[in-house]
C-alpha cells in the first residue's frame, strides 16, 4: 500500500509540474483513498466505500476523526466548478500528504501514544 500511495503522489507532482492540476487532484485523491483504506483495514472498520472519493467521504463523516483530517477530507471532496477550477484556496497535494502522515501516526485501538 505504501508504494501505491507514493506512486500516486509522484504522479500528482509530475502532473502539477506539467500544468495539469486536474490530474494532480485525481492522483492526490487516489493516494488519499489508498491511505484511508489501509487505515480502516488496520482497524478492521467496515465501510461501504468502493472508490477513493467514497472513502474520503466516509473518513470525513467518521466519528472521532480529528478536525484537521475532517477538514482535509472536506477539501478533497470538493467538486470543481464548471470551469474545472477548485472553488477554494487549498493545495490538495500538500493536504493529502498531511492526511497520509496523520493517518499513519494515529494509534490503533488499545494502544497508547
C-alpha atoms as a PDB file:
ATOM      1  CA  UNK A   1       0.000   0.000   0.000  1.00  0.00           C
ATOM      2  CA  UNK A   2       2.820   2.400   0.845  1.00  0.00           C
ATOM      3  CA  UNK A   3       4.309   2.019  -2.632  1.00  0.00           C
ATOM      4  CA  UNK A   4       0.919   2.617  -4.243  1.00  0.00           C
ATOM      5  CA  UNK A   5       0.479   5.813  -2.216  1.00  0.00           C
ATOM      6  CA  UNK A   6       3.977   7.017  -3.098  1.00  0.00           C
ATOM      7  CA  UNK A   7       3.421   6.272  -6.793  1.00  0.00           C
ATOM      8  CA  UNK A   8       0.175   8.248  -6.859  1.00  0.00           C
ATOM      9  CA  UNK A   9       1.823  11.211  -5.140  1.00  0.00           C
ATOM     10  CA  UNK A  10       4.702  11.098  -7.642  1.00  0.00           C
ATOM     11  CA  UNK A  11       2.142  11.122 -10.467  1.00  0.00           C
ATOM     12  CA  UNK A  12       0.418  14.064  -8.780  1.00  0.00           C
ATOM     13  CA  UNK A  13       3.683  16.003  -8.556  1.00  0.00           C
ATOM     14  CA  UNK A  14       4.525  15.253 -12.200  1.00  0.00           C
ATOM     15  CA  UNK A  15       1.045  16.293 -13.358  1.00  0.00           C
ATOM     16  CA  UNK A  16       1.320  19.570 -11.434  1.00  0.00           C
ATOM     17  CA  UNK A  17       4.786  20.222 -12.874  1.00  0.00           C
ATOM     18  CA  UNK A  18       3.293  19.757 -16.359  1.00  0.00           C
ATOM     19  CA  UNK A  19       0.479  22.200 -15.576  1.00  0.00           C
ATOM     20  CA  UNK A  20      -2.211  19.533 -15.318  1.00  0.00           C
ATOM     21  CA  UNK A  21      -3.754  20.448 -11.970  1.00  0.00           C
ATOM     22  CA  UNK A  22      -6.853  18.345 -12.651  1.00  0.00           C
ATOM     23  CA  UNK A  23      -4.817  15.163 -12.971  1.00  0.00           C
ATOM     24  CA  UNK A  24      -2.772  16.182  -9.915  1.00  0.00           C
ATOM     25  CA  UNK A  25      -6.001  16.380  -7.869  1.00  0.00           C
ATOM     26  CA  UNK A  26      -7.178  12.996  -9.163  1.00  0.00           C
ATOM     27  CA  UNK A  27      -3.870  11.368  -8.199  1.00  0.00           C
ATOM     28  CA  UNK A  28      -3.917  13.024  -4.767  1.00  0.00           C
ATOM     29  CA  UNK A  29      -7.446  11.723  -4.170  1.00  0.00           C
ATOM     30  CA  UNK A  30      -6.403   8.210  -5.198  1.00  0.00           C
ATOM     31  CA  UNK A  31      -3.425   8.362  -2.821  1.00  0.00           C
ATOM     32  CA  UNK A  32      -5.708   9.581  -0.035  1.00  0.00           C
ATOM     33  CA  UNK A  33      -8.186   6.800  -0.764  1.00  0.00           C
ATOM     34  CA  UNK A  34      -5.449   4.176  -0.574  1.00  0.00           C
ATOM     35  CA  UNK A  35      -4.214   5.593   2.749  1.00  0.00           C
ATOM     36  CA  UNK A  36      -7.758   5.687   4.144  1.00  0.00           C
ATOM     37  CA  UNK A  37      -8.412   2.111   3.000  1.00  0.00           C
ATOM     38  CA  UNK A  38      -5.219   0.967   4.795  1.00  0.00           C
ATOM     39  CA  UNK A  39      -6.192   2.917   7.930  1.00  0.00           C
ATOM     40  CA  UNK A  40      -9.654   1.340   8.013  1.00  0.00           C
ATOM     41  CA  UNK A  41      -8.339  -2.155   7.269  1.00  0.00           C
ATOM     42  CA  UNK A  42      -5.754  -1.939  10.059  1.00  0.00           C
ATOM     43  CA  UNK A  43      -8.552  -1.078  12.456  1.00  0.00           C
ATOM     44  CA  UNK A  44     -10.943  -3.654  10.984  1.00  0.00           C
ATOM     45  CA  UNK A  45     -13.503  -0.932  10.282  1.00  0.00           C
ATOM     46  CA  UNK A  46     -16.118  -1.988   7.756  1.00  0.00           C
ATOM     47  CA  UNK A  47     -17.140   0.564   5.166  1.00  0.00           C
ATOM     48  CA  UNK A  48     -19.392   0.621   2.111  1.00  0.00           C
ATOM     49  CA  UNK A  49     -16.953   2.682   0.015  1.00  0.00           C
ATOM     50  CA  UNK A  50     -15.917   1.283  -3.352  1.00  0.00           C
ATOM     51  CA  UNK A  51     -13.643   4.066  -4.605  1.00  0.00           C
ATOM     52  CA  UNK A  52     -11.300   6.798  -3.359  1.00  0.00           C
ATOM     53  CA  UNK A  53     -13.947   9.522  -3.390  1.00  0.00           C
ATOM     54  CA  UNK A  54     -16.331   7.435  -1.282  1.00  0.00           C
ATOM     55  CA  UNK A  55     -13.509   6.589   1.140  1.00  0.00           C
ATOM     56  CA  UNK A  56     -12.740  10.295   1.537  1.00  0.00           C
ATOM     57  CA  UNK A  57     -16.413  10.995   2.291  1.00  0.00           C
ATOM     58  CA  UNK A  58     -16.518   8.070   4.731  1.00  0.00           C
ATOM     59  CA  UNK A  59     -13.484   9.428   6.610  1.00  0.00           C
ATOM     60  CA  UNK A  60     -14.903  12.955   6.609  1.00  0.00           C
ATOM     61  CA  UNK A  61     -18.084  11.732   8.292  1.00  0.00           C
ATOM     62  CA  UNK A  62     -16.473   9.200  10.670  1.00  0.00           C
ATOM     63  CA  UNK A  63     -16.950   9.908  14.381  1.00  0.00           C
ATOM     64  CA  UNK A  64     -13.758  10.611  16.296  1.00  0.00           C
ATOM     65  CA  UNK A  65     -11.699  11.787  13.330  1.00  0.00           C
ATOM     66  CA  UNK A  66      -9.510  14.782  14.229  1.00  0.00           C
ATOM     67  CA  UNK A  67     -10.879  18.107  12.915  1.00  0.00           C
ATOM     68  CA  UNK A  68      -7.806  18.655  10.723  1.00  0.00           C
ATOM     69  CA  UNK A  69      -8.430  15.374   8.887  1.00  0.00           C
ATOM     70  CA  UNK A  70     -12.135  16.143   8.588  1.00  0.00           C
ATOM     71  CA  UNK A  71     -11.225  19.492   7.010  1.00  0.00           C
ATOM     72  CA  UNK A  72      -8.742  17.905   4.597  1.00  0.00           C
ATOM     73  CA  UNK A  73     -11.300  15.278   3.603  1.00  0.00           C
ATOM     74  CA  UNK A  74     -13.739  18.139   3.005  1.00  0.00           C
ATOM     75  CA  UNK A  75     -11.237  19.854   0.712  1.00  0.00           C
ATOM     76  CA  UNK A  76     -10.511  16.618  -1.142  1.00  0.00           C
ATOM     77  CA  UNK A  77     -14.216  16.002  -1.683  1.00  0.00           C
ATOM     78  CA  UNK A  78     -14.930  19.489  -3.018  1.00  0.00           C
ATOM     79  CA  UNK A  79     -16.102  19.360  -6.630  1.00  0.00           C
ATOM     80  CA  UNK A  80     -14.555  21.604  -9.252  1.00  0.00           C
ATOM     81  CA  UNK A  81     -16.561  24.366 -10.902  1.00  0.00           C
ATOM     82  CA  UNK A  82     -17.868  24.273 -14.469  1.00  0.00           C
ATOM     83  CA  UNK A  83     -14.578  25.972 -15.414  1.00  0.00           C
ATOM     84  CA  UNK A  84     -12.719  22.990 -13.847  1.00  0.00           C
ATOM     85  CA  UNK A  85     -11.245  25.078 -11.057  1.00  0.00           C
ATOM     86  CA  UNK A  86     -11.305  24.296  -7.360  1.00  0.00           C
ATOM     87  CA  UNK A  87     -13.672  26.735  -5.606  1.00  0.00           C
ATOM     88  CA  UNK A  88     -11.426  27.023  -2.541  1.00  0.00           C
ATOM     89  CA  UNK A  89      -7.881  28.033  -1.724  1.00  0.00           C
ATOM     90  CA  UNK A  90      -6.164  24.756  -0.946  1.00  0.00           C
ATOM     91  CA  UNK A  91      -3.101  22.830  -2.003  1.00  0.00           C
ATOM     92  CA  UNK A  92      -4.638  19.372  -2.251  1.00  0.00           C
ATOM     93  CA  UNK A  93      -1.268  17.701  -2.716  1.00  0.00           C
ATOM     94  CA  UNK A  94       0.106  19.220   0.488  1.00  0.00           C
ATOM     95  CA  UNK A  95      -3.137  18.467   2.329  1.00  0.00           C
ATOM     96  CA  UNK A  96      -3.053  14.868   1.101  1.00  0.00           C
ATOM     97  CA  UNK A  97       0.469  14.476   2.446  1.00  0.00           C
ATOM     98  CA  UNK A  98      -0.719  15.720   5.855  1.00  0.00           C
ATOM     99  CA  UNK A  99      -3.664  13.303   5.753  1.00  0.00           C
ATOM    100  CA  UNK A 100      -1.400  10.349   4.877  1.00  0.00           C
ATOM    101  CA  UNK A 101       1.153  11.184   7.578  1.00  0.00           C
ATOM    102  CA  UNK A 102      -1.526  11.762  10.200  1.00  0.00           C
ATOM    103  CA  UNK A 103      -3.370   8.531   9.427  1.00  0.00           C
ATOM    104  CA  UNK A 104      -0.096   6.620   9.696  1.00  0.00           C
ATOM    105  CA  UNK A 105       0.587   8.141  13.115  1.00  0.00           C
ATOM    106  CA  UNK A 106      -2.844   7.629  14.707  1.00  0.00           C
ATOM    107  CA  UNK A 107      -2.863   4.940  17.380  1.00  0.00           C
ATOM    108  CA  UNK A 108      -4.637   1.661  16.867  1.00  0.00           C
ATOM    109  CA  UNK A 109      -7.402   0.988  19.387  1.00  0.00           C
ATOM    110  CA  UNK A 110      -5.915  -0.307  22.613  1.00  0.00           C
ATOM    111  CA  UNK A 111      -2.571   1.405  22.043  1.00  0.00           C
ATOM    112  CA  UNK A 112      -1.345   4.389  23.954  1.00  0.00           C
ATOM    113  CA  UNK A 113       0.821   7.024  22.458  1.00  0.00           C
END
